[in-house]
Amino acid sequence: MGKIRLGCLFCDRDDFDGVDEIPADWYAVDHVQSYEDSYAEAVEKSDPVFDWQTHLGVCPLCEDSHCFVNEE
């Protein structure tokens, strides 16, 4: 299992949890936390329990439906 836990900013897909590399067709992917931190349990009430991702970006399906380029 890879150490990249890639999630989409718009949808709740998790089929890229545990990949070895970021797919070329994902857009604007940023590193958000370490692999170790992605498995940490929430300690404080304000800790984000569901933030499992190490990287967040926009998947190809959401890029087509949510990201618009102004072509003037």
C-alpha atoms as a PDB file:
ATOM      1  CA  MET A   1       0.000   0.000   0.000  1.00  0.00           C
ATOM      2  CA  GLY A   2       1.328   3.423  -0.962  1.00  0.00           C
ATOM      3  CA  LYS A   3       1.817   6.334   1.375  1.00  0.00           C
ATOM      4  CA  ILE A   4      -0.358   8.827  -0.510  1.00  0.00           C
ATOM      5  CA  ARG A   5      -3.923   9.160   0.733  1.00  0.00           C
ATOM      6  CA  LEU A   6      -5.410  11.287  -2.045  1.00  0.00           C
ATOM      7  CA  GLY A   7      -8.813  12.871  -1.590  1.00  0.00           C
ATOM      8  CA  CYS A   8     -10.919  15.194  -3.739  1.00  0.00           C
ATOM      9  CA  LEU A   9     -11.970  18.660  -2.576  1.00  0.00           C
ATOM     10  CA  PHE A  10     -15.452  18.248  -4.068  1.00  0.00           C
ATOM     11  CA  CYS A  11     -16.505  14.613  -3.738  1.00  0.00           C
ATOM     12  CA  ASP A  12     -16.057  11.999  -1.037  1.00  0.00           C
ATOM     13  CA  ARG A  13     -14.275   9.374  -3.117  1.00  0.00           C
ATOM     14  CA  ASP A  14     -11.691   7.300  -1.321  1.00  0.00           C
ATOM     15  CA  ASP A  15     -10.532   4.996  -4.120  1.00  0.00           C
ATOM     16  CA  PHE A  16      -7.130   6.739  -4.197  1.00  0.00           C
ATOM     17  CA  ASP A  17      -6.409   6.035  -0.540  1.00  0.00           C
ATOM     18  CA  GLY A  18      -3.045   4.274  -0.447  1.00  0.00           C
ATOM     19  CA  VAL A  19      -1.564   5.045  -3.862  1.00  0.00           C
ATOM     20  CA  ASP A  20       2.131   5.289  -4.680  1.00  0.00           C
ATOM     21  CA  GLU A  21       1.944   8.380  -6.870  1.00  0.00           C
ATOM     22  CA  ILE A  22      -0.417  11.207  -7.698  1.00  0.00           C
ATOM     23  CA  PRO A  23      -2.260  10.518 -10.969  1.00  0.00           C
ATOM     24  CA  ALA A  24      -1.438  12.967 -13.770  1.00  0.00           C
ATOM     25  CA  ASP A  25      -5.118  13.700 -14.430  1.00  0.00           C
ATOM     26  CA  TRP A  26      -5.771  15.167 -10.959  1.00  0.00           C
ATOM     27  CA  TYR A  27      -5.737  18.975 -10.727  1.00  0.00           C
ATOM     28  CA  ALA A  28      -4.235  21.309  -8.099  1.00  0.00           C
ATOM     29  CA  VAL A  29      -3.054  18.643  -5.653  1.00  0.00           C
ATOM     30  CA  ASP A  30      -1.525  19.913  -2.412  1.00  0.00           C
ATOM     31  CA  HIS A  31       0.132  18.115   0.493  1.00  0.00           C
ATOM     32  CA  VAL A  32      -1.996  18.681   3.619  1.00  0.00           C
ATOM     33  CA  GLN A  33      -0.491  16.437   6.294  1.00  0.00           C
ATOM     34  CA  SER A  34       1.975  13.636   6.866  1.00  0.00           C
ATOM     35  CA  TYR A  35       1.091   9.994   6.373  1.00  0.00           C
ATOM     36  CA  GLU A  36       1.509   9.377  10.084  1.00  0.00           C
ATOM     37  CA  ASP A  37      -0.779  12.294  10.985  1.00  0.00           C
ATOM     38  CA  SER A  38      -3.438  11.015   8.593  1.00  0.00           C
ATOM     39  CA  TYR A  39      -3.885   7.990  10.861  1.00  0.00           C
ATOM     40  CA  ALA A  40      -3.815   9.906  14.137  1.00  0.00           C
ATOM     41  CA  GLU A  41      -6.952   9.819  16.233  1.00  0.00           C
ATOM     42  CA  ALA A  42      -8.699  13.009  17.235  1.00  0.00           C
ATOM     43  CA  VAL A  43      -7.608  14.089  20.704  1.00  0.00           C
ATOM     44  CA  GLU A  44      -9.133  17.539  20.989  1.00  0.00           C
ATOM     45  CA  LYS A  45     -12.819  18.191  20.321  1.00  0.00           C
ATOM     46  CA  SER A  46     -11.797  20.471  17.448  1.00  0.00           C
ATOM     47  CA  ASP A  47      -9.546  17.859  15.765  1.00  0.00           C
ATOM     48  CA  PRO A  48     -10.840  16.887  12.326  1.00  0.00           C
ATOM     49  CA  VAL A  49     -11.713  13.195  12.676  1.00  0.00           C
ATOM     50  CA  PHE A  50     -12.513  12.714   9.008  1.00  0.00           C
ATOM     51  CA  ASP A  51      -9.439  14.432   7.535  1.00  0.00           C
ATOM     52  CA  TRP A  52      -7.751  11.196   6.475  1.00  0.00           C
ATOM     53  CA  GLN A  53      -6.009  12.616   3.394  1.00  0.00           C
ATOM     54  CA  THR A  54      -2.310  13.311   3.000  1.00  0.00           C
ATOM     55  CA  HIS A  55      -3.021  15.159  -0.264  1.00  0.00           C
ATOM     56  CA  LEU A  56      -6.079  17.040  -1.507  1.00  0.00           C
ATOM     57  CA  GLY A  57      -6.861  18.021  -5.065  1.00  0.00           C
ATOM     58  CA  VAL A  58      -9.578  17.890  -7.690  1.00  0.00           C
ATOM     59  CA  CYS A  59     -10.331  14.551  -9.342  1.00  0.00           C
ATOM     60  CA  PRO A  60     -10.950  14.416 -13.114  1.00  0.00           C
ATOM     61  CA  LEU A  61     -14.720  13.995 -12.708  1.00  0.00           C
ATOM     62  CA  CYS A  62     -15.060  17.026 -10.443  1.00  0.00           C
ATOM     63  CA  GLU A  63     -12.714  19.096 -12.579  1.00  0.00           C
ATOM     64  CA  ASP A  64     -15.145  18.674 -15.478  1.00  0.00           C
ATOM     65  CA  SER A  65     -18.182  19.612 -13.396  1.00  0.00           C
ATOM     66  CA  HIS A  66     -16.821  22.134 -10.860  1.00  0.00           C
ATOM     67  CA  CYS A  67     -13.856  23.922 -12.410  1.00  0.00           C
ATOM     68  CA  PHE A  68     -14.522  26.401 -15.142  1.00  0.00           C
ATOM     69  CA  VAL A  69     -11.914  28.188 -17.201  1.00  0.00           C
ATOM     70  CA  ASN A  70     -12.852  31.597 -18.541  1.00  0.00           C
ATOM     71  CA  GLU A  71     -11.923  31.345 -22.211  1.00  0.00           C
ATOM     72  CA  GLU A  72     -12.142  34.877 -23.585  1.00  0.00           C
END
